């Protein structure tokens, strides 16, 4: 699902105009981004949590030349799935099993 599909689904389910749904989705995403920039965690019960992980700077090797390069310290967002979401996904997988690529192959005469 992409952002436009999320907006469309919100518009249909809440029976609101797509422009209003777009504002709502953008507002939620902007609030989440602002919280992560501030270093705050985000916890959505039943879904998961977002937090920022700090990575130290280090030296590494350039893949093409093999020369030593400096890798700057950085912060990266990290998502940890919640137990309820994990259970729901696994329950759906059990009740509606996905076909393996071998099952989808068509035999030729």
N, C-alpha and C. Protein backbone atom coordinates (compact mmCIF):
# COMPACT_ATOMS: atom_id res chain seq x y z
N UNK A 1 0.85 -1.17 0.00
CA UNK A 1 0.00 0.00 0.00
C UNK A 1 0.89 1.23 0.00
N UNK A 2 0.55 2.18 -0.82
CA UNK A 2 1.27 3.45 -0.87
C UNK A 2 0.41 4.53 -0.22
N UNK A 3 1.00 5.69 0.01
CA UNK A 3 0.32 6.76 0.71
C UNK A 3 -1.01 7.15 0.06
N UNK A 4 -1.04 7.24 -1.26
CA UNK A 4 -2.29 7.62 -1.95
C UNK A 4 -3.39 6.58 -1.73
N UNK A 5 -3.02 5.30 -1.65
CA UNK A 5 -4.01 4.26 -1.37
C UNK A 5 -4.53 4.37 0.06
N UNK A 6 -3.64 4.72 0.99
CA UNK A 6 -4.05 4.92 2.37
C UNK A 6 -5.04 6.09 2.46
N UNK A 7 -4.75 7.16 1.77
CA UNK A 7 -5.64 8.32 1.75
C UNK A 7 -7.00 7.93 1.16
N UNK A 8 -6.99 7.19 0.07
CA UNK A 8 -8.23 6.77 -0.57
C UNK A 8 -9.06 5.88 0.36
N UNK A 9 -8.40 4.95 1.03
CA UNK A 9 -9.11 4.05 1.94
C UNK A 9 -9.69 4.81 3.13
N UNK A 10 -8.94 5.77 3.67
CA UNK A 10 -9.45 6.59 4.77
C UNK A 10 -10.66 7.40 4.31
N UNK A 11 -10.57 7.95 3.13
CA UNK A 11 -11.66 8.73 2.56
C UNK A 11 -12.94 7.90 2.45
N UNK A 12 -12.80 6.68 1.95
CA UNK A 12 -13.96 5.81 1.76
C UNK A 12 -14.52 5.31 3.09
N UNK A 13 -13.66 4.88 4.00
CA UNK A 13 -14.13 4.31 5.26
C UNK A 13 -14.72 5.36 6.19
N UNK A 14 -14.15 6.57 6.19
CA UNK A 14 -14.66 7.62 7.07
C UNK A 14 -15.71 8.49 6.39
N UNK A 15 -15.95 8.20 5.10
CA UNK A 15 -16.93 8.95 4.32
C UNK A 15 -16.62 10.45 4.35
N UNK A 16 -15.35 10.77 4.06
CA UNK A 16 -14.92 12.17 4.00
C UNK A 16 -14.29 12.43 2.65
N UNK A 17 -14.13 13.69 2.32
CA UNK A 17 -13.53 14.06 1.04
C UNK A 17 -12.06 13.63 1.02
N UNK A 18 -11.57 13.23 -0.16
CA UNK A 18 -10.16 12.81 -0.26
C UNK A 18 -9.18 13.89 0.21
N UNK A 19 -9.49 15.16 -0.01
CA UNK A 19 -8.59 16.24 0.42
C UNK A 19 -8.49 16.29 1.94
N UNK A 20 -9.62 16.07 2.62
CA UNK A 20 -9.63 16.04 4.09
C UNK A 20 -8.82 14.83 4.59
N UNK A 21 -8.99 13.69 3.93
CA UNK A 21 -8.24 12.49 4.30
C UNK A 21 -6.75 12.71 4.09
N UNK A 22 -6.38 13.40 3.01
CA UNK A 22 -4.97 13.68 2.74
C UNK A 22 -4.39 14.57 3.84
N UNK A 23 -5.14 15.57 4.28
CA UNK A 23 -4.68 16.45 5.35
C UNK A 23 -4.49 15.65 6.64
N UNK A 24 -5.43 14.75 6.93
CA UNK A 24 -5.34 13.93 8.14
C UNK A 24 -4.10 13.03 8.11
N UNK A 25 -3.89 12.35 7.00
CA UNK A 25 -2.73 11.45 6.88
C UNK A 25 -1.43 12.25 6.99
N UNK A 26 -1.35 13.37 6.27
CA UNK A 26 -0.13 14.19 6.32
C UNK A 26 0.13 14.73 7.72
N UNK A 27 -0.92 15.11 8.43
CA UNK A 27 -0.78 15.63 9.80
C UNK A 27 -0.22 14.56 10.72
N UNK A 28 -0.73 13.34 10.61
CA UNK A 28 -0.23 12.24 11.45
C UNK A 28 1.23 11.95 11.13
N UNK A 29 1.56 11.85 9.85
CA UNK A 29 2.94 11.56 9.47
C UNK A 29 3.88 12.69 9.91
N UNK A 30 3.46 13.94 9.73
CA UNK A 30 4.30 15.07 10.15
C UNK A 30 4.54 15.07 11.65
N UNK A 31 3.51 14.76 12.43
CA UNK A 31 3.67 14.69 13.89
C UNK A 31 4.64 13.58 14.28
N UNK A 32 4.55 12.45 13.58
CA UNK A 32 5.46 11.33 13.87
C UNK A 32 6.90 11.71 13.52
N UNK A 33 7.09 12.35 12.38
CA UNK A 33 8.44 12.76 11.96
C UNK A 33 9.01 13.76 12.95
N UNK A 34 8.21 14.75 13.37
CA UNK A 34 8.68 15.74 14.33
C UNK A 34 9.10 15.09 15.64
N UNK A 35 8.32 14.12 16.11
CA UNK A 35 8.67 13.43 17.35
C UNK A 35 9.99 12.67 17.21
N UNK A 36 10.18 12.00 16.08
CA UNK A 36 11.43 11.26 15.87
C UNK A 36 12.62 12.20 15.75
N UNK A 37 12.44 13.35 15.11
CA UNK A 37 13.53 14.33 15.00
C UNK A 37 13.95 14.80 16.39
N UNK A 38 12.98 14.96 17.29
CA UNK A 38 13.26 15.39 18.67
C UNK A 38 13.86 14.25 19.50
N UNK A 39 13.90 13.04 18.96
CA UNK A 39 14.44 11.90 19.68
C UNK A 39 13.41 11.19 20.54
N UNK A 40 12.15 11.57 20.39
CA UNK A 40 11.08 10.94 21.15
C UNK A 40 10.67 9.63 20.48
N UNK A 41 10.23 8.68 21.27
CA UNK A 41 9.70 7.44 20.73
C UNK A 41 8.22 7.59 20.44
N UNK A 42 7.71 6.73 19.60
CA UNK A 42 6.29 6.72 19.27
C UNK A 42 5.80 5.31 19.52
N UNK A 43 4.74 5.18 20.31
CA UNK A 43 4.18 3.86 20.57
C UNK A 43 2.70 3.87 20.18
N UNK A 44 2.34 2.97 19.27
CA UNK A 44 0.96 2.81 18.86
C UNK A 44 0.54 1.42 19.32
N UNK A 45 -0.22 1.39 20.39
CA UNK A 45 -0.62 0.11 21.01
C UNK A 45 -1.29 -0.80 19.98
N UNK A 46 -0.88 -2.05 19.96
CA UNK A 46 -1.44 -3.03 19.04
C UNK A 46 -0.81 -2.99 17.66
N UNK A 47 0.02 -1.99 17.39
CA UNK A 47 0.65 -1.86 16.08
C UNK A 47 2.16 -2.00 16.17
N UNK A 48 2.79 -1.13 16.95
CA UNK A 48 4.23 -1.19 17.09
C UNK A 48 4.78 0.11 17.64
N UNK A 49 6.10 0.21 17.64
CA UNK A 49 6.74 1.42 18.16
C UNK A 49 7.88 1.83 17.24
N UNK A 50 8.08 3.14 17.20
CA UNK A 50 9.15 3.74 16.43
C UNK A 50 10.10 4.41 17.41
N UNK A 51 11.38 4.32 17.13
CA UNK A 51 12.36 5.07 17.91
C UNK A 51 13.55 5.35 17.02
N UNK A 52 14.41 6.21 17.50
CA UNK A 52 15.61 6.58 16.74
C UNK A 52 16.80 5.90 17.39
N UNK A 53 17.57 5.23 16.56
CA UNK A 53 18.80 4.59 17.05
C UNK A 53 20.00 5.43 16.61
N UNK A 54 20.91 5.59 17.53
CA UNK A 54 22.13 6.35 17.26
C UNK A 54 23.24 5.38 16.85
N UNK A 55 23.96 5.72 15.79
CA UNK A 55 25.08 4.91 15.34
C UNK A 55 26.35 5.75 15.41
N UNK A 56 27.38 5.20 16.02
CA UNK A 56 28.66 5.90 16.14
C UNK A 56 29.34 6.00 14.79
N UNK A 57 30.19 6.98 14.66
CA UNK A 57 31.02 7.08 13.47
C UNK A 57 32.10 6.01 13.50
N UNK A 58 32.60 5.67 12.34
CA UNK A 58 33.63 4.64 12.27
C UNK A 58 34.39 4.78 10.96
N UNK A 59 35.41 3.99 10.79
CA UNK A 59 36.11 3.96 9.51
C UNK A 59 35.70 2.70 8.77
N UNK A 60 35.69 2.79 7.47
CA UNK A 60 35.34 1.65 6.64
C UNK A 60 36.15 1.67 5.37
N UNK A 61 35.88 0.72 4.49
CA UNK A 61 36.60 0.65 3.22
C UNK A 61 35.66 0.99 2.08
N UNK A 62 36.16 1.78 1.14
CA UNK A 62 35.39 2.11 -0.05
C UNK A 62 35.29 0.84 -0.89
N UNK A 63 34.07 0.43 -1.31
CA UNK A 63 33.91 -0.84 -2.00
C UNK A 63 34.65 -0.94 -3.34
N UNK A 64 34.76 0.16 -4.07
CA UNK A 64 35.44 0.11 -5.37
C UNK A 64 36.94 0.22 -5.27
N UNK A 65 37.39 1.22 -4.49
CA UNK A 65 38.83 1.49 -4.46
C UNK A 65 39.55 0.77 -3.33
N UNK A 66 38.81 0.39 -2.28
CA UNK A 66 39.44 -0.25 -1.14
C UNK A 66 40.09 0.75 -0.19
N UNK A 67 39.98 2.05 -0.51
CA UNK A 67 40.59 3.05 0.36
C UNK A 67 39.79 3.21 1.64
N UNK A 68 40.45 3.70 2.66
CA UNK A 68 39.80 3.89 3.96
C UNK A 68 38.97 5.17 3.90
N UNK A 69 37.73 5.08 4.37
CA UNK A 69 36.85 6.25 4.41
C UNK A 69 36.29 6.41 5.82
N UNK A 70 35.87 7.63 6.13
CA UNK A 70 35.26 7.90 7.43
C UNK A 70 33.75 7.88 7.27
N UNK A 71 33.09 7.08 8.08
CA UNK A 71 31.63 7.02 8.07
C UNK A 71 31.15 7.85 9.26
N UNK A 72 30.38 8.87 8.95
CA UNK A 72 29.91 9.82 9.96
C UNK A 72 28.89 9.16 10.90
N UNK A 73 28.81 9.65 12.13
CA UNK A 73 27.75 9.16 13.03
C UNK A 73 26.39 9.52 12.44
N UNK A 74 25.39 8.71 12.73
CA UNK A 74 24.06 8.99 12.17
C UNK A 74 22.98 8.48 13.09
N UNK A 75 21.78 8.95 12.81
CA UNK A 75 20.58 8.52 13.53
C UNK A 75 19.66 7.91 12.50
N UNK A 76 19.08 6.77 12.86
CA UNK A 76 18.15 6.10 11.95
C UNK A 76 16.87 5.72 12.67
N UNK A 77 15.75 5.89 11.99
CA UNK A 77 14.49 5.45 12.60
C UNK A 77 14.42 3.93 12.59
N UNK A 78 13.82 3.37 13.62
CA UNK A 78 13.71 1.93 13.77
C UNK A 78 12.28 1.61 14.18
N UNK A 79 11.68 0.59 13.56
CA UNK A 79 10.32 0.18 13.88
C UNK A 79 10.35 -1.21 14.48
N UNK A 80 9.65 -1.37 15.58
CA UNK A 80 9.50 -2.69 16.21
C UNK A 80 8.02 -3.03 16.20
N UNK A 81 7.68 -4.13 15.55
CA UNK A 81 6.28 -4.53 15.43
C UNK A 81 5.74 -4.97 16.78
N UNK A 82 4.47 -4.64 17.03
CA UNK A 82 3.82 -5.02 18.28
C UNK A 82 3.33 -6.46 18.24
N UNK A 83 3.14 -7.02 19.41
CA UNK A 83 2.72 -8.42 19.51
C UNK A 83 1.36 -8.65 18.86
N UNK A 84 0.42 -7.74 19.09
CA UNK A 84 -0.92 -7.92 18.54
C UNK A 84 -0.90 -7.93 17.01
N UNK A 85 -0.14 -7.02 16.41
CA UNK A 85 -0.04 -6.99 14.95
C UNK A 85 0.62 -8.26 14.42
N UNK A 86 1.68 -8.68 15.09
CA UNK A 86 2.39 -9.89 14.69
C UNK A 86 1.45 -11.10 14.75
N UNK A 87 0.67 -11.18 15.82
CA UNK A 87 -0.27 -12.29 15.96
C UNK A 87 -1.36 -12.24 14.90
N UNK A 88 -1.87 -11.05 14.60
CA UNK A 88 -2.92 -10.92 13.58
C UNK A 88 -2.40 -11.31 12.20
N UNK A 89 -1.18 -10.91 11.89
CA UNK A 89 -0.60 -11.26 10.59
C UNK A 89 -0.38 -12.77 10.51
N UNK A 90 0.13 -13.37 11.56
CA UNK A 90 0.36 -14.81 11.56
C UNK A 90 -0.96 -15.57 11.53
N UNK A 91 -1.98 -15.07 12.20
CA UNK A 91 -3.30 -15.72 12.18
C UNK A 91 -3.87 -15.68 10.76
N UNK A 92 -3.74 -14.55 10.08
CA UNK A 92 -4.22 -14.43 8.70
C UNK A 92 -3.46 -15.38 7.78
N UNK A 93 -2.15 -15.52 8.03
CA UNK A 93 -1.34 -16.40 7.19
C UNK A 93 -1.77 -17.86 7.37
N UNK A 94 -2.20 -18.22 8.58
CA UNK A 94 -2.64 -19.59 8.85
C UNK A 94 -3.99 -19.85 8.21
N UNK A 95 -4.91 -18.88 8.31
CA UNK A 95 -6.25 -19.08 7.78
C UNK A 95 -6.30 -18.90 6.27
N UNK A 96 -5.39 -18.12 5.71
CA UNK A 96 -5.34 -17.91 4.27
C UNK A 96 -3.91 -18.15 3.79
N UNK A 97 -3.50 -19.39 3.67
CA UNK A 97 -2.11 -19.67 3.32
C UNK A 97 -1.75 -19.13 1.93
N UNK A 98 -0.53 -18.62 1.83
CA UNK A 98 -0.02 -18.14 0.56
C UNK A 98 0.51 -19.31 -0.25
N UNK A 99 0.30 -19.26 -1.55
CA UNK A 99 0.83 -20.33 -2.40
C UNK A 99 2.31 -20.10 -2.63
N UNK A 100 3.05 -21.18 -2.60
CA UNK A 100 4.47 -21.08 -2.87
C UNK A 100 4.68 -20.95 -4.37
N UNK A 101 5.84 -20.47 -4.81
CA UNK A 101 6.11 -20.36 -6.25
C UNK A 101 5.98 -21.70 -6.97
N UNK A 102 6.27 -22.81 -6.27
CA UNK A 102 6.16 -24.13 -6.90
C UNK A 102 4.71 -24.47 -7.19
N UNK A 103 3.79 -24.05 -6.27
CA UNK A 103 2.36 -24.32 -6.46
C UNK A 103 1.79 -23.51 -7.62
N UNK A 104 2.40 -22.38 -7.92
CA UNK A 104 1.88 -21.49 -8.95
C UNK A 104 2.37 -21.85 -10.35
N UNK A 105 3.32 -22.74 -10.44
CA UNK A 105 3.85 -23.12 -11.75
C UNK A 105 2.81 -23.91 -12.52
N UNK A 106 2.74 -23.65 -13.80
CA UNK A 106 1.79 -24.35 -14.65
C UNK A 106 2.55 -25.45 -15.38
N UNK A 107 2.01 -26.65 -15.33
CA UNK A 107 2.66 -27.77 -16.02
C UNK A 107 2.38 -27.68 -17.50
N UNK A 108 3.40 -27.96 -18.28
CA UNK A 108 3.23 -27.97 -19.73
C UNK A 108 3.13 -29.41 -20.22
N UNK A 109 2.24 -29.65 -21.17
CA UNK A 109 2.06 -31.03 -21.65
C UNK A 109 3.23 -31.54 -22.44
